[in-house]
Amino acid sequence: MQLPKFLFASAFFLSTLTGYSQSTPFRTDTVSVSVYGGKLFGTMFIPDRIDPPVVLIIAGSGATDRNGNTAGLPGKNNSLLQLADSLARNGIASLRYDKRGIGQSQRSLQREESLVFEQNSADARVWLQWLYEKGYRRIYVAGHSEGSLVALQAAQTFPLSGLISLAGAGRPIQEVLREQLSTLPDPLKSNAFTCLDTLSLGKRIKEPPIALFSLFRPAIQDYLISWMKLDPAKLIQTTNCPALIVQGGQDIQVSITDAQRMHQANPNNQLLIISSMNHIFKSINDASRATNIASYTDPNQFVMTELIQAMHRFIRPLN
C-alpha cells in the first residue's frame, strides 16, 4: 500500500567509520507486539553490557521499513539499520519496527482509509510500554522525518529519558507541502494549494485533480486531515523530557529553518546542525541533487559519525 509521504528523510567510534565488522558485540532479537488490528514486528539490537539505555527508532513517512528503506525505490540505503548497528557498538540498545501496512507488519492495516495520524503515535506508545515491561528504565525515542512528529506526540503521555528529532519538520505538514508544491506550474499549483486549504479546514476533497491524485486521493484524506492538526513546535513545548534536534545542511526534504523553529519553541533543548548531512544521515560533499538522491539507494554509504557521536553524548551509557 502507499501511505502519505513528502514529495521529496576517534577510535571509540571507529566502527561507525569502517561500516560493519565481522564481529557483532551485540545480539539481535526479532520481536512483536499486539495492536488493534493485528501485530507489529520489529528488531532489537542489544549490546553486551548490563542495563543499557534503549532507543525506539521510528521511521519516516510513506512505505519506509524498519531499516529505513522505501518500497518502490530501486535500492536500499539501510540508514536506520546502520544507525541501530552503530549505537549498539557504542553500548546503546535499540528497537526499530515496521509500521502498519509496511514490511512484516503489512497485515496490521487492512484498509488504507482506516488510518489516521494518531494511530502511529498509539502504536509507538505500545512499543514504549513493551520496553518498560521488559525492564528498560532509560528509554529514549528517535523519530526520523515524519517519525519525529510521531515521537513528539507519543512523548506527551509516556515518561521518556529523552527525545531525538532527526530531520523532523518544525511546521504543520500543510506548510511543508505548500513549500514543496510551490514549484508546480500554474494552474496545477493553484489547484494544489486549494486542496491543502480544504484539508486544513478539516474538509474532504470531492474530486482531487488527476495530476495530484496520488497525494490527495480519497483513501488518505482523513490521514492528511489528522496530520494537519499537529504543530511540532507546539508539541515540543509540552514535552517533559530533554530533546536533541538534529538537522542536516544537505537535506533536500526538510530545512534548517524547521529545526530552528522547534529549537526556538523550547530553547532548553539541544540543536545540532550537521552541515554535510542529508535527509538519510549520509554525507554529501557537493551540491548536486543527483548525488544526494543517489545516496537513497546506496547501502555502501554509511551514516555520519557526527550523528552517532551526538546521540551517544545525549544518551550517555552509564557503564
Protein backbone atom coordinates (compact mmCIF):
# COMPACT_ATOMS: atom_id res chain seq x y z
CA MET A 1 0.00 0.00 0.00
CA GLN A 2 1.06 3.63 -0.39
CA LEU A 3 0.96 5.93 2.61
CA PRO A 4 1.31 9.73 2.66
CA LYS A 5 4.90 10.90 2.11
CA PHE A 6 6.85 14.03 1.36
CA LEU A 7 7.28 14.66 -2.32
CA PHE A 8 10.75 14.80 -1.82
CA ALA A 9 14.04 11.63 5.49
CA SER A 10 38.30 8.75 17.36
CA ALA A 11 38.99 5.21 17.81
CA PHE A 12 35.97 4.83 20.06
CA PHE A 13 33.75 5.46 17.05
CA LEU A 14 35.92 3.54 14.58
CA SER A 15 33.13 1.08 13.83
CA THR A 16 30.93 3.87 12.50
CA LEU A 17 33.65 4.89 10.09
CA THR A 18 34.50 1.46 8.75
CA GLY A 19 30.97 0.07 8.49
CA TYR A 20 30.11 -3.42 9.65
CA SER A 21 32.86 -5.64 11.01
CA GLN A 22 32.58 -9.40 11.12
CA SER A 23 32.20 -9.42 14.90
CA THR A 24 28.99 -8.13 16.40
CA PRO A 25 29.27 -7.16 20.09
CA PHE A 26 25.51 -7.31 20.45
CA ARG A 27 22.69 -9.76 19.93
CA THR A 28 19.76 -9.42 17.57
CA ASP A 29 16.19 -10.27 18.63
CA THR A 30 13.12 -10.31 16.40
CA VAL A 31 10.14 -9.11 18.44
CA SER A 32 6.45 -8.32 18.04
CA VAL A 33 3.58 -6.62 19.86
CA SER A 34 -0.16 -6.97 19.52
CA VAL A 35 -2.02 -3.83 18.48
CA TYR A 36 -5.54 -3.07 17.37
CA GLY A 37 -5.96 -4.86 14.05
CA GLY A 38 -3.05 -7.27 14.28
CA LYS A 39 0.65 -7.38 15.14
CA LEU A 40 3.64 -5.13 14.58
CA PHE A 41 7.10 -6.63 14.13
CA GLY A 42 10.50 -5.19 14.95
CA THR A 43 14.19 -5.85 15.56
CA MET A 44 16.21 -5.21 18.69
CA PHE A 45 19.97 -4.76 18.83
CA ILE A 46 21.08 -5.39 22.43
CA PRO A 47 24.74 -4.64 23.38
CA ASP A 48 26.71 -6.92 25.64
CA ARG A 49 26.53 -4.77 28.75
CA ILE A 50 24.45 -4.54 31.90
CA ASP A 51 21.36 -2.34 31.84
CA PRO A 52 21.93 -0.46 28.58
CA PRO A 53 19.75 2.51 27.62
CA VAL A 54 17.39 1.80 24.74
CA VAL A 55 16.20 3.92 21.82
CA LEU A 56 12.93 3.34 20.00
CA ILE A 57 13.66 4.30 16.38
CA ILE A 58 10.63 5.47 14.40
CA ALA A 59 10.84 5.51 10.61
CA GLY A 60 9.71 8.35 8.39
CA SER A 61 6.69 8.73 6.14
CA GLY A 62 5.47 6.56 3.32
CA ALA A 63 6.35 2.93 2.75
CA THR A 64 9.57 3.13 4.79
CA ASP A 65 10.50 -0.03 6.70
CA ARG A 66 12.41 -0.55 9.95
CA ASN A 67 15.75 -0.37 8.11
CA GLY A 68 15.00 3.00 6.50
CA ASN A 69 14.30 1.57 3.05
CA THR A 70 11.34 2.63 0.94
CA ALA A 71 9.33 0.27 -1.24
CA GLY A 72 9.39 1.36 -4.86
CA LEU A 73 12.92 2.76 -4.85
CA PRO A 74 15.44 0.72 -6.91
CA GLY A 75 17.78 0.02 -4.00
CA LYS A 76 18.35 0.29 -0.26
CA ASN A 77 20.10 2.89 1.89
CA ASN A 78 19.83 0.97 5.21
CA SER A 79 20.04 4.25 7.13
CA LEU A 80 18.10 3.11 10.21
CA LEU A 81 19.78 -0.31 10.20
CA GLN A 82 23.19 1.38 10.16
CA LEU A 83 22.10 3.80 12.88
CA ALA A 84 21.00 0.94 15.14
CA ASP A 85 24.20 -1.01 14.41
CA SER A 86 26.43 1.95 15.30
CA LEU A 87 24.50 2.68 18.50
CA ALA A 88 24.73 -0.95 19.62
CA ARG A 89 28.50 -0.99 19.07
CA ASN A 90 28.67 2.00 21.39
CA GLY A 91 26.62 0.45 24.19
CA ILE A 92 23.11 1.66 23.30
CA ALA A 93 20.27 -0.79 22.64
CA SER A 94 17.62 -0.02 20.06
CA LEU A 95 14.28 -1.20 18.77
CA ARG A 96 13.12 -0.35 15.27
CA TYR A 97 9.91 -1.63 13.74
CA ASP A 98 7.79 -1.88 10.62
CA LYS A 99 4.81 0.46 10.76
CA ARG A 100 1.26 -0.62 9.98
CA GLY A 101 0.93 -1.78 6.41
CA ILE A 102 4.71 -1.92 5.91
CA GLY A 103 7.09 -4.88 5.65
CA GLN A 104 6.40 -7.65 8.12
CA SER A 105 3.62 -5.55 9.72
CA GLN A 106 1.69 -5.32 6.47
CA ARG A 107 -1.30 -7.33 7.70
CA SER A 108 -1.93 -4.95 10.61
CA LEU A 109 -3.55 -2.48 8.21
CA GLN A 110 -6.37 -3.94 6.15
CA ARG A 111 -7.79 -0.70 4.75
CA GLU A 112 -5.81 2.43 3.95
CA GLU A 113 -8.92 4.50 4.64
CA SER A 114 -8.93 3.48 8.30
CA LEU A 115 -5.59 5.06 9.21
CA VAL A 116 -5.28 8.43 10.97
CA PHE A 117 -2.09 10.00 12.28
CA GLU A 118 -2.84 9.36 15.95
CA GLN A 119 -2.69 5.62 15.27
CA ASN A 120 1.05 5.95 14.56
CA SER A 121 1.61 7.55 17.96
CA ALA A 122 -0.60 4.98 19.71
CA ASP A 123 1.48 2.20 18.14
CA ALA A 124 4.70 3.89 19.29
CA ARG A 125 3.35 4.04 22.85
CA VAL A 126 2.61 0.30 22.71
CA TRP A 127 6.26 -0.33 21.86
CA LEU A 128 7.42 2.04 24.61
CA GLN A 129 5.26 0.26 27.16
CA TRP A 130 6.61 -3.08 25.91
CA LEU A 131 10.18 -1.88 26.51
CA TYR A 132 9.23 -0.76 30.02
CA GLU A 133 7.69 -4.14 30.77
CA LYS A 134 10.90 -5.80 29.54
CA GLY A 135 12.77 -3.97 32.30
CA TYR A 136 14.21 -0.97 30.47
CA ARG A 137 14.11 2.21 32.51
CA ARG A 138 16.23 4.61 30.45
CA ILE A 139 14.05 4.78 27.37
CA TYR A 140 14.63 7.24 24.53
CA VAL A 141 12.81 7.73 21.27
CA ALA A 142 14.40 8.84 17.99
CA GLY A 143 11.97 9.81 15.25
CA HIS A 144 13.10 10.36 11.68
CA SER A 145 11.28 12.83 9.43
CA GLU A 146 7.54 12.19 9.97
CA GLY A 147 8.63 9.84 12.76
CA SER A 148 9.80 12.92 14.67
CA LEU A 149 6.21 14.12 14.92
CA VAL A 150 5.09 10.62 15.93
CA ALA A 151 7.72 10.69 18.70
CA LEU A 152 6.64 14.15 19.87
CA GLN A 153 3.03 13.06 20.12
CA ALA A 154 3.89 9.79 21.90
CA ALA A 155 6.06 11.71 24.37
CA GLN A 156 3.06 13.71 25.58
CA THR A 157 1.84 10.75 27.63
CA PHE A 158 4.86 8.44 28.09
CA PRO A 159 7.70 9.36 30.50
CA LEU A 160 10.88 9.33 28.41
CA SER A 161 14.50 9.86 29.35
CA GLY A 162 14.94 11.86 26.17
CA LEU A 163 13.70 12.52 22.65
CA ILE A 164 15.74 12.88 19.46
CA SER A 165 14.28 14.57 16.40
CA LEU A 166 16.12 13.51 13.25
CA ALA A 167 15.31 15.71 10.24
CA GLY A 168 11.85 16.41 11.59
CA ALA A 169 9.65 19.13 10.15
CA GLY A 170 9.15 22.06 12.51
CA ARG A 171 5.94 23.27 10.88
CA PRO A 172 2.49 21.78 10.29
CA ILE A 173 2.64 19.46 7.29
CA GLN A 174 0.41 21.65 5.11
CA GLU A 175 3.04 24.40 5.29
CA VAL A 176 5.78 21.98 4.26
CA LEU A 177 3.68 20.63 1.40
CA ARG A 178 2.81 24.14 0.24
CA GLU A 179 6.52 24.92 0.02
CA GLN A 180 7.25 21.70 -1.87
CA LEU A 181 4.34 22.22 -4.26
CA SER A 182 5.24 25.84 -4.96
CA THR A 183 7.42 24.79 -7.91
CA LEU A 184 4.45 23.32 -9.79
CA PRO A 185 3.28 25.21 -12.87
CA ASP A 186 0.03 27.14 -12.77
CA PRO A 187 -2.85 26.28 -12.71
CA LEU A 188 -1.76 22.98 -11.09
CA LYS A 189 -0.09 24.86 -8.23
CA SER A 190 -3.28 26.80 -7.59
CA ASN A 191 -5.28 23.55 -7.53
CA ALA A 192 -2.80 22.01 -5.11
CA PHE A 193 -3.00 24.99 -2.74
CA THR A 194 -6.79 24.84 -2.84
CA CYS A 195 -6.65 21.16 -1.86
CA LEU A 196 -4.33 21.96 1.04
CA ASP A 197 -6.59 24.76 2.24
CA THR A 198 -9.63 22.47 2.09
CA LEU A 199 -7.97 19.69 4.08
CA SER A 200 -6.57 22.20 6.60
CA LEU A 201 -10.14 23.17 7.39
CA GLY A 202 -10.96 19.54 8.11
CA LYS A 203 -12.96 19.11 4.92
CA ARG A 204 -12.58 16.37 2.32
CA ILE A 205 -11.85 16.99 -1.37
CA LYS A 206 -14.63 15.66 -3.57
CA GLU A 207 -12.67 15.46 -6.82
CA PRO A 208 -8.87 15.64 -6.43
CA PRO A 209 -7.00 16.83 -9.54
CA ILE A 210 -5.92 13.85 -11.62
CA ALA A 211 -2.31 15.04 -11.70
CA LEU A 212 -2.28 15.22 -7.89
CA PHE A 213 -4.42 12.17 -7.21
CA SER A 214 -1.65 10.18 -5.51
CA LEU A 215 -1.14 12.92 -2.92
CA PHE A 216 -4.80 13.83 -2.38
CA ARG A 217 -6.58 10.55 -3.13
CA PRO A 218 -9.73 9.93 -1.06
CA ALA A 219 -8.25 6.96 0.82
CA ILE A 220 -5.68 9.11 2.63
CA GLN A 221 -7.59 12.36 3.11
CA ASP A 222 -8.60 11.54 6.69
CA TYR A 223 -4.94 10.77 7.42
CA LEU A 224 -3.86 14.11 5.98
CA ILE A 225 -6.57 16.00 7.88
CA SER A 226 -5.49 14.45 11.19
CA TRP A 227 -1.81 15.16 10.35
CA MET A 228 -2.51 18.81 9.56
CA LYS A 229 -3.91 19.41 13.05
CA LEU A 230 -0.48 18.88 14.61
CA ASP A 231 2.22 21.51 15.07
CA PRO A 232 5.66 20.10 16.01
CA ALA A 233 6.79 23.36 17.61
CA LYS A 234 3.78 23.42 19.92
CA LEU A 235 4.22 19.74 20.83
CA ILE A 236 7.88 20.17 21.78
CA GLN A 237 6.83 22.95 24.18
CA THR A 238 4.84 20.41 26.20
CA THR A 239 7.35 17.53 26.01
CA ASN A 240 8.54 16.80 29.55
CA CYS A 241 11.97 15.39 28.72
CA PRO A 242 15.24 16.66 27.24
CA ALA A 243 15.34 16.79 23.45
CA LEU A 244 18.07 16.77 20.83
CA ILE A 245 17.09 18.32 17.49
CA VAL A 246 19.33 17.22 14.62
CA GLN A 247 19.21 18.59 11.10
CA GLY A 248 21.42 18.21 8.05
CA GLY A 249 22.52 21.09 5.88
CA GLN A 250 22.27 18.95 2.72
CA ASP A 251 18.69 17.82 3.41
CA ILE A 252 16.53 18.35 0.32
CA GLN A 253 13.29 17.41 2.13
CA VAL A 254 13.40 19.27 5.45
CA SER A 255 15.14 22.60 6.05
CA ILE A 256 17.37 24.01 8.77
CA THR A 257 14.58 26.53 9.38
CA ASP A 258 12.38 23.66 10.58
CA ALA A 259 14.94 22.62 13.20
CA GLN A 260 15.42 26.23 14.28
CA ARG A 261 11.67 26.69 14.69
CA MET A 262 11.48 23.71 17.05
CA HIS A 263 14.50 24.91 19.00
CA GLN A 264 13.05 28.40 19.34
CA ALA A 265 9.86 26.87 20.70
CA ASN A 266 11.88 25.32 23.54
CA PRO A 267 15.42 26.79 23.77
CA ASN A 268 16.32 24.46 26.65
CA ASN A 269 16.66 21.66 24.12
CA GLN A 270 19.82 20.99 22.15
CA LEU A 271 20.14 21.92 18.47
CA LEU A 272 22.72 20.32 16.19
CA ILE A 273 23.20 21.23 12.54
CA ILE A 274 25.46 18.84 10.60
CA SER A 275 26.29 20.85 7.51
CA SER A 276 27.17 17.98 5.14
CA MET A 277 24.41 15.54 6.23
CA ASN A 278 21.39 14.81 4.05
CA HIS A 279 17.92 13.57 4.96
CA ILE A 280 19.03 9.95 5.49
CA PHE A 281 22.14 10.81 7.56
CA LYS A 282 24.64 10.38 4.70
CA SER A 283 27.49 12.78 3.91
CA ILE A 284 27.05 14.82 0.72
CA ASN A 285 30.14 16.72 -0.36
CA ASP A 286 28.71 18.62 -3.30
CA ALA A 287 25.53 20.49 -4.06
CA SER A 288 24.42 18.10 -6.79
CA ARG A 289 20.83 16.97 -6.34
CA ALA A 290 21.67 13.82 -8.32
CA THR A 291 24.44 12.91 -5.85
CA ASN A 292 22.08 13.48 -2.95
CA ILE A 293 19.30 11.36 -4.40
CA ALA A 294 21.75 8.58 -5.35
CA SER A 295 22.52 8.05 -1.65
CA TYR A 296 18.89 6.99 -1.09
CA THR A 297 19.64 3.71 -2.87
CA ASP A 298 23.28 3.16 -1.86
CA PRO A 299 23.75 0.77 1.09
CA ASN A 300 27.54 1.19 0.93
CA GLN A 301 27.38 4.80 2.08
CA PHE A 302 27.21 4.88 5.89
CA VAL A 303 25.51 7.16 8.38
CA MET A 304 27.67 10.03 9.53
CA THR A 305 29.93 9.63 12.55
CA GLU A 306 28.94 13.09 13.81
CA LEU A 307 25.37 11.89 14.26
CA ILE A 308 26.37 8.78 16.24
CA GLN A 309 28.70 10.85 18.44
CA ALA A 310 25.95 13.36 19.16
CA MET A 311 23.41 10.67 20.05
CA HIS A 312 25.97 8.93 22.27
CA ARG A 313 26.71 12.18 24.13
CA PHE A 314 23.00 12.82 24.59
CA ILE A 315 22.21 9.32 25.88
CA ARG A 316 25.48 8.55 27.73
CA PRO A 317 25.53 4.87 28.75
CA LEU A 318 26.36 4.56 32.46
CA ASN A 319 28.72 1.58 32.17
